[in-house]
């Protein structure tokens, strides 16, 4: 107990010295610390103001423009939906460019890709579809599958197979088996029978309840 009692004053003295050194350092660097804290506050306030008065209004504006173009899209008027109609509707193409950093702008790129595909402009469709990026389990895989269809139309079968495989990787119960079957047919076109058989078997093993699995046995080589 005596030894322990002897060590305690030394420990207290050491802590006091450290606190004193810290206080001296803070005193010497008070101006720097003040500027750093002020800078952090300015950055945080700047971000809040930028988000409130720039990003949010722009995002709402992009969503409003998308809604106008969707009206024409739903009517099957893909040309107007894509390119707009005077000032009433600027169209998905311009929305995708003007608001490309916003979610609505990325969604507009997907719509623009679909419009271009419907209009038979496959190269343009592919460019727009590649710009669409989202983590949605339904829309994103469907977009990748449409990209694969676009490459098929351009007879770029290697790229088509990759797009279909990417869509299948989502494991979406509806899209994945469809994408796998498309990939299998593309592999057959490329003469890659091994890869085609692998895709057919994946449909049977992983998605036995899908529509694509109902007649899959006729494609599988035993």
Protein backbone atom coordinates (compact mmCIF):
# COMPACT_ATOMS: atom_id res chain seq x y z
CA UNK A 1 0.00 0.00 0.00
CA UNK A 2 2.90 2.33 0.76
CA UNK A 3 4.41 1.89 -2.69
CA UNK A 4 1.11 2.62 -4.32
CA UNK A 5 0.69 5.74 -2.24
CA UNK A 6 4.08 6.96 -3.30
CA UNK A 7 3.29 6.69 -7.02
CA UNK A 8 0.03 8.64 -6.91
CA UNK A 9 1.57 12.13 -6.45
CA UNK A 10 3.91 11.46 -9.37
CA UNK A 11 0.97 10.50 -11.61
CA UNK A 12 -1.00 13.57 -10.58
CA UNK A 13 2.01 15.79 -11.19
CA UNK A 14 2.51 14.25 -14.64
CA UNK A 15 -1.12 14.87 -15.60
CA UNK A 16 -0.87 18.45 -14.41
CA UNK A 17 2.24 18.99 -16.51
CA UNK A 18 0.49 17.60 -19.59
CA UNK A 19 -2.54 19.84 -19.01
CA UNK A 20 -0.28 22.82 -18.55
CA UNK A 21 1.59 22.03 -21.78
CA UNK A 22 -1.71 21.65 -23.64
CA UNK A 23 -2.97 24.95 -22.29
CA UNK A 24 0.22 26.68 -23.37
CA UNK A 25 -0.02 25.16 -26.88
CA UNK A 26 -3.65 26.32 -27.19
CA UNK A 27 -2.68 29.79 -26.01
CA UNK A 28 0.18 30.01 -28.53
CA UNK A 29 -2.01 28.81 -31.40
CA UNK A 30 -5.25 30.53 -30.43
CA UNK A 31 -5.47 32.51 -33.66
CA UNK A 32 -4.92 29.45 -35.87
CA UNK A 33 -7.51 27.44 -33.93
CA UNK A 34 -10.00 30.27 -34.23
CA UNK A 35 -9.48 30.49 -38.00
CA UNK A 36 -9.82 26.72 -38.41
CA UNK A 37 -13.07 26.60 -36.44
CA UNK A 38 -14.40 29.62 -38.32
CA UNK A 39 -13.49 27.99 -41.63
CA UNK A 40 -15.33 24.78 -40.72
CA UNK A 41 -18.42 26.76 -39.72
CA UNK A 42 -18.31 28.74 -42.99
CA UNK A 43 -18.05 25.54 -45.04
CA UNK A 44 -20.97 23.92 -43.20
CA UNK A 45 -23.14 27.02 -43.53
CA UNK A 46 -22.16 27.36 -47.18
CA UNK A 47 -23.22 23.79 -47.88
CA UNK A 48 -26.54 24.28 -46.09
CA UNK A 49 -27.28 27.47 -48.02
CA UNK A 50 -26.15 25.96 -51.32
CA UNK A 51 -28.37 22.94 -50.77
CA UNK A 52 -31.38 25.05 -49.76
CA UNK A 53 -31.17 27.78 -52.37
CA UNK A 54 -29.49 26.04 -55.32
CA UNK A 55 -29.63 22.23 -55.24
CA UNK A 56 -33.18 21.79 -53.93
CA UNK A 57 -34.77 24.32 -56.34
CA UNK A 58 -32.79 22.85 -59.27
CA UNK A 59 -33.87 19.34 -58.32
CA UNK A 60 -37.52 20.41 -58.12
CA UNK A 61 -37.17 22.23 -61.43
CA UNK A 62 -35.74 19.13 -63.10
CA UNK A 63 -38.54 16.98 -61.70
CA UNK A 64 -41.12 19.42 -63.04
CA UNK A 65 -39.56 19.33 -66.52
CA UNK A 66 -39.48 15.54 -66.45
CA UNK A 67 -43.18 15.45 -65.61
CA UNK A 68 -43.97 17.54 -68.70
CA UNK A 69 -41.98 15.24 -70.98
CA UNK A 70 -43.51 12.11 -69.45
CA UNK A 71 -46.94 13.24 -70.67
CA UNK A 72 -45.74 12.96 -74.28
CA UNK A 73 -43.85 9.76 -73.50
CA UNK A 74 -46.98 8.08 -72.15
CA UNK A 75 -48.83 9.07 -75.35
CA UNK A 76 -46.15 7.35 -77.44
CA UNK A 77 -44.95 10.67 -78.86
CA UNK A 78 -41.29 9.80 -78.33
CA UNK A 79 -39.99 12.52 -80.64
CA UNK A 80 -41.60 15.32 -78.62
CA UNK A 81 -40.78 13.64 -75.32
CA UNK A 82 -37.14 13.49 -76.37
CA UNK A 83 -36.66 16.89 -78.00
CA UNK A 84 -39.44 18.93 -76.42
CA UNK A 85 -42.01 21.34 -77.76
CA UNK A 86 -41.16 25.03 -77.59
CA UNK A 87 -40.93 26.42 -74.06
CA UNK A 88 -43.75 24.21 -72.78
CA UNK A 89 -41.55 21.12 -72.67
CA UNK A 90 -37.79 21.12 -73.13
CA UNK A 91 -37.63 17.32 -73.53
CA UNK A 92 -35.62 14.54 -71.93
CA UNK A 93 -32.48 15.20 -73.98
CA UNK A 94 -32.05 18.73 -72.66
CA UNK A 95 -33.09 17.74 -69.15
CA UNK A 96 -30.44 15.01 -69.14
CA UNK A 97 -27.80 17.58 -70.14
CA UNK A 98 -28.91 20.56 -68.07
CA UNK A 99 -29.55 18.59 -64.88
CA UNK A 100 -27.09 15.72 -65.26
CA UNK A 101 -25.90 16.01 -61.63
CA UNK A 102 -29.41 15.53 -60.24
CA UNK A 103 -31.48 12.37 -59.85
CA UNK A 104 -34.14 13.77 -62.19
CA UNK A 105 -31.45 14.42 -64.79
CA UNK A 106 -30.23 10.83 -64.57
CA UNK A 107 -33.80 9.60 -64.88
CA UNK A 108 -34.22 11.83 -67.93
CA UNK A 109 -31.19 10.10 -69.48
CA UNK A 110 -32.98 6.77 -69.09
CA UNK A 111 -36.15 8.15 -70.67
CA UNK A 112 -34.09 9.69 -73.48
CA UNK A 113 -32.46 6.32 -74.09
CA UNK A 114 -35.83 4.61 -74.33
CA UNK A 115 -37.09 7.29 -76.73
CA UNK A 116 -34.02 6.94 -78.94
CA UNK A 117 -34.47 3.16 -78.94
CA UNK A 118 -38.11 3.48 -79.93
CA UNK A 119 -37.12 5.87 -82.72
CA UNK A 120 -34.52 3.43 -84.02
CA UNK A 121 -31.56 5.63 -83.08
CA UNK A 122 -29.58 2.89 -81.37
CA UNK A 123 -26.20 4.56 -81.01
CA UNK A 124 -27.77 7.55 -79.29
CA UNK A 125 -29.90 5.23 -77.18
CA UNK A 126 -26.81 3.38 -75.96
CA UNK A 127 -25.08 6.62 -74.97
CA UNK A 128 -28.05 7.77 -72.89
CA UNK A 129 -28.58 4.37 -71.29
CA UNK A 130 -24.93 4.19 -70.24
CA UNK A 131 -25.38 7.51 -68.43
CA UNK A 132 -28.18 6.17 -66.27
CA UNK A 133 -26.86 4.99 -62.92
CA UNK A 134 -28.99 3.98 -59.97
CA UNK A 135 -29.05 1.38 -57.23
CA UNK A 136 -32.71 0.53 -57.76
CA UNK A 137 -33.26 -3.23 -57.89
CA UNK A 138 -35.87 -2.95 -60.63
CA UNK A 139 -35.16 0.03 -62.87
CA UNK A 140 -31.38 -0.33 -63.07
CA UNK A 141 -31.41 -4.00 -64.20
CA UNK A 142 -34.14 -3.23 -66.76
CA UNK A 143 -32.04 -0.34 -68.10
CA UNK A 144 -29.02 -2.63 -68.47
CA UNK A 145 -31.15 -5.18 -70.30
CA UNK A 146 -32.43 -2.51 -72.69
CA UNK A 147 -28.81 -1.50 -73.27
CA UNK A 148 -28.16 -5.10 -74.24
CA UNK A 149 -31.10 -5.01 -76.67
CA UNK A 150 -29.66 -1.83 -78.14
CA UNK A 151 -26.29 -3.48 -78.75
CA UNK A 152 -28.05 -6.43 -80.39
CA UNK A 153 -29.74 -4.03 -82.80
CA UNK A 154 -26.29 -2.68 -83.65
CA UNK A 155 -24.95 -6.26 -83.95
CA UNK A 156 -22.40 -5.57 -81.23
CA UNK A 157 -22.96 -8.94 -79.63
CA UNK A 158 -19.99 -8.91 -77.28
CA UNK A 159 -21.19 -5.71 -75.63
CA UNK A 160 -24.75 -7.05 -75.62
CA UNK A 161 -23.70 -10.17 -73.72
CA UNK A 162 -21.93 -8.07 -71.08
CA UNK A 163 -24.98 -5.84 -70.65
CA UNK A 164 -27.30 -8.83 -70.30
CA UNK A 165 -24.95 -10.45 -67.77
CA UNK A 166 -24.86 -7.20 -65.79
CA UNK A 167 -28.66 -7.15 -65.73
CA UNK A 168 -28.71 -10.78 -64.60
CA UNK A 169 -26.27 -10.03 -61.77
CA UNK A 170 -29.03 -8.02 -60.10
CA UNK A 171 -30.76 -11.30 -59.24
CA UNK A 172 -34.06 -9.56 -59.88
CA UNK A 173 -36.64 -12.35 -60.10
CA UNK A 174 -38.25 -10.91 -63.25
CA UNK A 175 -35.39 -9.25 -65.11
CA UNK A 176 -32.57 -11.71 -64.36
CA UNK A 177 -34.06 -14.79 -66.11
CA UNK A 178 -35.05 -12.66 -69.11
CA UNK A 179 -31.55 -11.23 -69.31
CA UNK A 180 -29.96 -14.66 -68.97
CA UNK A 181 -32.03 -16.03 -71.85
CA UNK A 182 -31.11 -13.06 -74.03
CA UNK A 183 -27.46 -13.55 -73.08
CA UNK A 184 -27.66 -17.23 -73.99
CA UNK A 185 -29.01 -16.47 -77.46
CA UNK A 186 -26.28 -13.87 -77.98
CA UNK A 187 -23.64 -16.39 -76.94
CA UNK A 188 -25.06 -18.81 -79.48
CA UNK A 189 -24.77 -16.09 -82.12
CA UNK A 190 -21.13 -15.68 -81.10
CA UNK A 191 -20.53 -19.41 -81.26
CA UNK A 192 -19.92 -19.60 -77.50
CA UNK A 193 -22.00 -22.68 -76.76
CA UNK A 194 -20.42 -23.28 -73.34
CA UNK A 195 -21.44 -19.82 -72.11
CA UNK A 196 -24.90 -20.24 -73.66
CA UNK A 197 -25.46 -23.53 -71.86
CA UNK A 198 -24.30 -21.99 -68.59
CA UNK A 199 -26.88 -19.21 -68.94
CA UNK A 200 -29.68 -21.66 -69.80
CA UNK A 201 -28.81 -23.79 -66.75
CA UNK A 202 -28.78 -20.75 -64.48
CA UNK A 203 -32.35 -20.03 -65.51
CA UNK A 204 -33.39 -23.59 -64.67
CA UNK A 205 -31.50 -23.75 -61.36
CA UNK A 206 -32.00 -20.23 -59.99
CA UNK A 207 -35.33 -19.17 -61.49
CA UNK A 208 -37.41 -22.34 -61.91
CA UNK A 209 -40.70 -20.45 -61.47
CA UNK A 210 -39.97 -17.82 -64.12
CA UNK A 211 -41.68 -17.79 -67.51
CA UNK A 212 -38.28 -18.32 -69.14
CA UNK A 213 -37.80 -21.56 -67.24
CA UNK A 214 -40.99 -23.19 -68.53
CA UNK A 215 -39.46 -24.37 -71.80
CA UNK A 216 -35.80 -24.12 -70.87
CA UNK A 217 -35.12 -27.89 -71.11
CA UNK A 218 -35.36 -27.79 -74.91
CA UNK A 219 -32.33 -25.48 -75.00
CA UNK A 220 -30.20 -27.49 -72.57
CA UNK A 221 -27.87 -30.10 -74.03
CA UNK A 222 -27.77 -33.14 -71.79
